N, C-alpha and C. Protein backbone atom coordinates (compact mmCIF):
# COMPACT_ATOMS: atom_id res chain seq x y z
N MET A 1 43.72 -80.32 -148.06
CA MET A 1 42.91 -80.11 -146.88
C MET A 1 43.68 -80.62 -145.67
N LYS A 2 43.74 -79.81 -144.62
CA LYS A 2 44.36 -80.23 -143.36
C LYS A 2 43.30 -80.88 -142.49
N VAL A 3 43.62 -82.06 -141.98
CA VAL A 3 42.72 -82.80 -141.10
C VAL A 3 43.33 -82.83 -139.71
N GLY A 4 42.56 -82.42 -138.72
CA GLY A 4 43.03 -82.43 -137.35
C GLY A 4 42.49 -83.62 -136.59
N LEU A 5 43.30 -84.17 -135.72
CA LEU A 5 42.89 -85.27 -134.86
C LEU A 5 43.17 -84.89 -133.42
N ILE A 6 42.12 -84.84 -132.63
CA ILE A 6 42.25 -84.60 -131.19
C ILE A 6 41.87 -85.91 -130.50
N GLY A 7 42.86 -86.54 -129.90
CA GLY A 7 42.65 -87.83 -129.25
C GLY A 7 43.32 -88.92 -130.07
N CYS A 8 44.45 -89.41 -129.58
CA CYS A 8 45.24 -90.40 -130.33
C CYS A 8 45.25 -91.76 -129.64
N GLY A 9 44.11 -92.14 -129.08
CA GLY A 9 44.01 -93.44 -128.43
C GLY A 9 43.87 -94.55 -129.44
N ASN A 10 42.70 -95.14 -129.54
CA ASN A 10 42.46 -96.24 -130.49
C ASN A 10 41.62 -95.80 -131.69
N MET A 11 40.50 -95.15 -131.43
CA MET A 11 39.56 -94.81 -132.49
C MET A 11 40.12 -93.77 -133.47
N GLY A 12 40.66 -92.68 -132.95
CA GLY A 12 41.15 -91.60 -133.81
C GLY A 12 42.20 -92.06 -134.80
N PRO A 13 43.28 -92.67 -134.33
CA PRO A 13 44.30 -93.15 -135.27
C PRO A 13 43.77 -94.17 -136.28
N ALA A 14 42.81 -94.99 -135.86
CA ALA A 14 42.23 -95.96 -136.79
C ALA A 14 41.48 -95.25 -137.92
N LEU A 15 40.73 -94.21 -137.58
CA LEU A 15 40.01 -93.43 -138.59
C LEU A 15 40.98 -92.77 -139.56
N ILE A 16 42.01 -92.14 -139.01
CA ILE A 16 42.99 -91.45 -139.84
C ILE A 16 43.77 -92.45 -140.71
N ALA A 17 44.15 -93.58 -140.13
CA ALA A 17 44.87 -94.60 -140.90
C ALA A 17 44.04 -95.09 -142.08
N GLY A 18 42.74 -95.23 -141.88
CA GLY A 18 41.87 -95.64 -142.98
C GLY A 18 41.87 -94.62 -144.11
N LEU A 19 41.82 -93.35 -143.76
CA LEU A 19 41.86 -92.29 -144.77
C LEU A 19 43.20 -92.28 -145.51
N VAL A 20 44.28 -92.47 -144.76
CA VAL A 20 45.61 -92.50 -145.39
C VAL A 20 45.75 -93.73 -146.28
N ASP A 21 45.32 -94.88 -145.78
CA ASP A 21 45.41 -96.12 -146.56
C ASP A 21 44.63 -96.04 -147.87
N GLN A 22 43.50 -95.35 -147.84
CA GLN A 22 42.67 -95.20 -149.04
C GLN A 22 43.15 -94.03 -149.92
N LYS A 23 44.24 -93.40 -149.49
CA LYS A 23 44.83 -92.27 -150.21
C LYS A 23 43.89 -91.06 -150.32
N ALA A 24 42.98 -90.96 -149.35
CA ALA A 24 42.08 -89.80 -149.28
C ALA A 24 42.83 -88.58 -148.75
N ILE A 25 43.82 -88.83 -147.89
CA ILE A 25 44.68 -87.78 -147.36
C ILE A 25 46.09 -88.33 -147.22
N ALA A 26 47.06 -87.43 -147.15
CA ALA A 26 48.45 -87.81 -146.90
C ALA A 26 48.78 -87.55 -145.43
N LYS A 27 49.74 -88.27 -144.90
CA LYS A 27 50.14 -88.07 -143.50
C LYS A 27 50.52 -86.61 -143.24
N ALA A 28 51.12 -85.96 -144.22
CA ALA A 28 51.54 -84.56 -144.07
C ALA A 28 50.36 -83.61 -143.93
N GLU A 29 49.16 -84.09 -144.24
CA GLU A 29 47.96 -83.26 -144.14
C GLU A 29 47.23 -83.45 -142.82
N VAL A 30 47.82 -84.21 -141.92
CA VAL A 30 47.18 -84.52 -140.63
C VAL A 30 47.98 -83.88 -139.51
N VAL A 31 47.29 -83.22 -138.60
CA VAL A 31 47.92 -82.65 -137.41
C VAL A 31 47.19 -83.23 -136.19
N CYS A 32 47.97 -83.72 -135.22
CA CYS A 32 47.41 -84.48 -134.10
C CYS A 32 47.76 -83.89 -132.74
N PHE A 33 46.88 -84.14 -131.78
CA PHE A 33 47.16 -83.81 -130.38
C PHE A 33 46.54 -84.85 -129.46
N ASP A 34 47.29 -85.18 -128.43
CA ASP A 34 46.78 -85.98 -127.32
C ASP A 34 47.50 -85.50 -126.07
N ALA A 35 46.79 -85.44 -124.97
CA ALA A 35 47.40 -85.01 -123.71
C ALA A 35 48.43 -86.02 -123.22
N ASP A 36 48.29 -87.27 -123.63
CA ASP A 36 49.22 -88.33 -123.26
C ASP A 36 50.44 -88.28 -124.19
N VAL A 37 51.58 -87.97 -123.63
CA VAL A 37 52.81 -87.81 -124.42
C VAL A 37 53.16 -89.08 -125.18
N GLU A 38 52.97 -90.24 -124.57
CA GLU A 38 53.29 -91.50 -125.24
C GLU A 38 52.43 -91.70 -126.49
N LYS A 39 51.17 -91.32 -126.42
CA LYS A 39 50.29 -91.45 -127.58
C LYS A 39 50.71 -90.49 -128.69
N LYS A 40 51.10 -89.28 -128.30
CA LYS A 40 51.61 -88.33 -129.31
C LYS A 40 52.89 -88.86 -129.96
N GLU A 41 53.78 -89.40 -129.15
CA GLU A 41 55.03 -89.96 -129.68
C GLU A 41 54.74 -91.11 -130.64
N GLY A 42 53.70 -91.88 -130.34
CA GLY A 42 53.31 -92.96 -131.24
C GLY A 42 52.88 -92.44 -132.60
N MET A 43 52.19 -91.31 -132.61
CA MET A 43 51.77 -90.71 -133.89
C MET A 43 52.98 -90.18 -134.66
N VAL A 44 53.92 -89.58 -133.93
CA VAL A 44 55.15 -89.08 -134.57
C VAL A 44 55.91 -90.24 -135.19
N SER A 45 56.00 -91.36 -134.47
CA SER A 45 56.75 -92.51 -134.99
C SER A 45 56.10 -93.10 -136.24
N GLN A 46 54.82 -92.80 -136.44
CA GLN A 46 54.12 -93.26 -137.65
C GLN A 46 54.18 -92.22 -138.77
N GLY A 47 54.84 -91.09 -138.51
CA GLY A 47 55.01 -90.08 -139.54
C GLY A 47 54.02 -88.94 -139.54
N PHE A 48 53.25 -88.80 -138.46
CA PHE A 48 52.27 -87.72 -138.38
C PHE A 48 52.85 -86.52 -137.65
N ILE A 49 52.28 -85.36 -137.90
CA ILE A 49 52.67 -84.12 -137.24
C ILE A 49 51.86 -84.00 -135.96
N THR A 50 52.52 -83.64 -134.85
CA THR A 50 51.79 -83.40 -133.60
C THR A 50 52.03 -81.96 -133.15
N VAL A 51 51.09 -81.46 -132.36
CA VAL A 51 51.18 -80.11 -131.80
C VAL A 51 50.94 -80.20 -130.30
N GLU A 52 51.00 -79.04 -129.62
CA GLU A 52 50.97 -79.02 -128.17
C GLU A 52 49.60 -78.82 -127.54
N SER A 53 48.55 -78.60 -128.35
CA SER A 53 47.23 -78.38 -127.75
C SER A 53 46.12 -78.68 -128.75
N SER A 54 44.93 -78.88 -128.21
CA SER A 54 43.73 -79.04 -129.04
C SER A 54 43.47 -77.77 -129.84
N LEU A 55 43.72 -76.63 -129.23
CA LEU A 55 43.51 -75.36 -129.91
C LEU A 55 44.40 -75.25 -131.14
N GLU A 56 45.66 -75.67 -131.04
CA GLU A 56 46.55 -75.64 -132.21
C GLU A 56 46.01 -76.52 -133.33
N VAL A 57 45.48 -77.68 -132.98
CA VAL A 57 44.88 -78.55 -133.99
C VAL A 57 43.75 -77.81 -134.70
N ALA A 58 42.87 -77.20 -133.93
CA ALA A 58 41.72 -76.49 -134.51
C ALA A 58 42.17 -75.33 -135.39
N GLU A 59 43.19 -74.60 -134.95
CA GLU A 59 43.67 -73.46 -135.71
C GLU A 59 44.31 -73.85 -137.04
N GLN A 60 44.88 -75.05 -137.09
CA GLN A 60 45.62 -75.48 -138.28
C GLN A 60 44.82 -76.40 -139.20
N SER A 61 43.57 -76.70 -138.85
CA SER A 61 42.81 -77.72 -139.58
C SER A 61 41.58 -77.17 -140.28
N ASP A 62 41.27 -77.79 -141.41
CA ASP A 62 40.03 -77.50 -142.12
C ASP A 62 38.91 -78.40 -141.61
N LEU A 63 39.28 -79.58 -141.17
CA LEU A 63 38.34 -80.58 -140.65
C LEU A 63 38.92 -81.12 -139.36
N ILE A 64 38.12 -81.17 -138.30
CA ILE A 64 38.60 -81.63 -137.00
C ILE A 64 37.89 -82.92 -136.61
N THR A 65 38.68 -83.94 -136.30
CA THR A 65 38.14 -85.20 -135.79
C THR A 65 38.39 -85.23 -134.29
N ILE A 66 37.32 -85.34 -133.53
CA ILE A 66 37.45 -85.39 -132.07
C ILE A 66 37.21 -86.83 -131.63
N ALA A 67 38.27 -87.43 -131.10
CA ALA A 67 38.22 -88.84 -130.70
C ALA A 67 38.69 -88.97 -129.25
N VAL A 68 37.98 -88.28 -128.38
CA VAL A 68 38.31 -88.33 -126.95
C VAL A 68 37.21 -89.10 -126.21
N LYS A 69 37.49 -89.44 -124.98
CA LYS A 69 36.48 -90.12 -124.15
C LYS A 69 35.26 -89.20 -123.98
N PRO A 70 34.07 -89.77 -123.90
CA PRO A 70 32.86 -88.94 -123.75
C PRO A 70 32.94 -87.93 -122.61
N LYS A 71 33.58 -88.28 -121.52
CA LYS A 71 33.68 -87.37 -120.38
C LYS A 71 34.55 -86.15 -120.70
N ASP A 72 35.36 -86.22 -121.76
CA ASP A 72 36.27 -85.13 -122.12
C ASP A 72 35.78 -84.28 -123.29
N VAL A 73 34.65 -84.63 -123.88
CA VAL A 73 34.16 -83.92 -125.06
C VAL A 73 33.86 -82.45 -124.77
N ALA A 74 33.11 -82.17 -123.72
CA ALA A 74 32.73 -80.78 -123.41
C ALA A 74 33.97 -79.91 -123.20
N GLU A 75 34.93 -80.41 -122.45
CA GLU A 75 36.16 -79.65 -122.21
C GLU A 75 36.93 -79.41 -123.51
N THR A 76 37.00 -80.41 -124.35
CA THR A 76 37.70 -80.29 -125.63
C THR A 76 37.02 -79.25 -126.52
N LEU A 77 35.69 -79.30 -126.58
CA LEU A 77 34.95 -78.34 -127.40
C LEU A 77 35.16 -76.92 -126.88
N GLU A 78 35.20 -76.76 -125.58
CA GLU A 78 35.45 -75.45 -124.99
C GLU A 78 36.84 -74.94 -125.36
N GLU A 79 37.81 -75.83 -125.35
CA GLU A 79 39.20 -75.44 -125.68
C GLU A 79 39.33 -74.96 -127.11
N ILE A 80 38.61 -75.58 -128.04
CA ILE A 80 38.77 -75.22 -129.45
C ILE A 80 37.74 -74.20 -129.94
N LYS A 81 36.84 -73.82 -129.09
CA LYS A 81 35.74 -72.92 -129.46
C LYS A 81 36.24 -71.65 -130.16
N VAL A 82 37.26 -71.03 -129.63
CA VAL A 82 37.79 -69.78 -130.18
C VAL A 82 38.19 -69.94 -131.65
N ALA A 83 38.80 -71.05 -131.98
CA ALA A 83 39.30 -71.27 -133.35
C ALA A 83 38.19 -71.62 -134.33
N THR A 84 37.04 -72.02 -133.82
CA THR A 84 35.97 -72.47 -134.72
C THR A 84 34.88 -71.44 -134.91
N GLU A 85 35.00 -70.29 -134.25
CA GLU A 85 33.97 -69.26 -134.37
C GLU A 85 34.20 -68.39 -135.60
C-alpha cells in the first residue's frame, strides 16, 4: 500500500515515523510533499520519496495523510480533488 503525506512539518512525519517504526509500512511505500523545500529535503535525508505537488501525492497513494495547517486544508483538498474522484 502506498501512503501519501501532504505536509512535512511536525505532525505528519511523526505519524509516518510511527508507522515505519512499527513496521506497518516501509519508507519506500511513502510519498511526501511539502511546499517548504527544506522540509522536503529533510524527508529525503530520512530516506523518504518526495514529489513536486499535493496532486502527485494523491495520484500515487492509496491512503493520503493530510498534515497541513488548518488554514491550508481547504486549498489542499481542492488541489487533490481531481485525483480522489
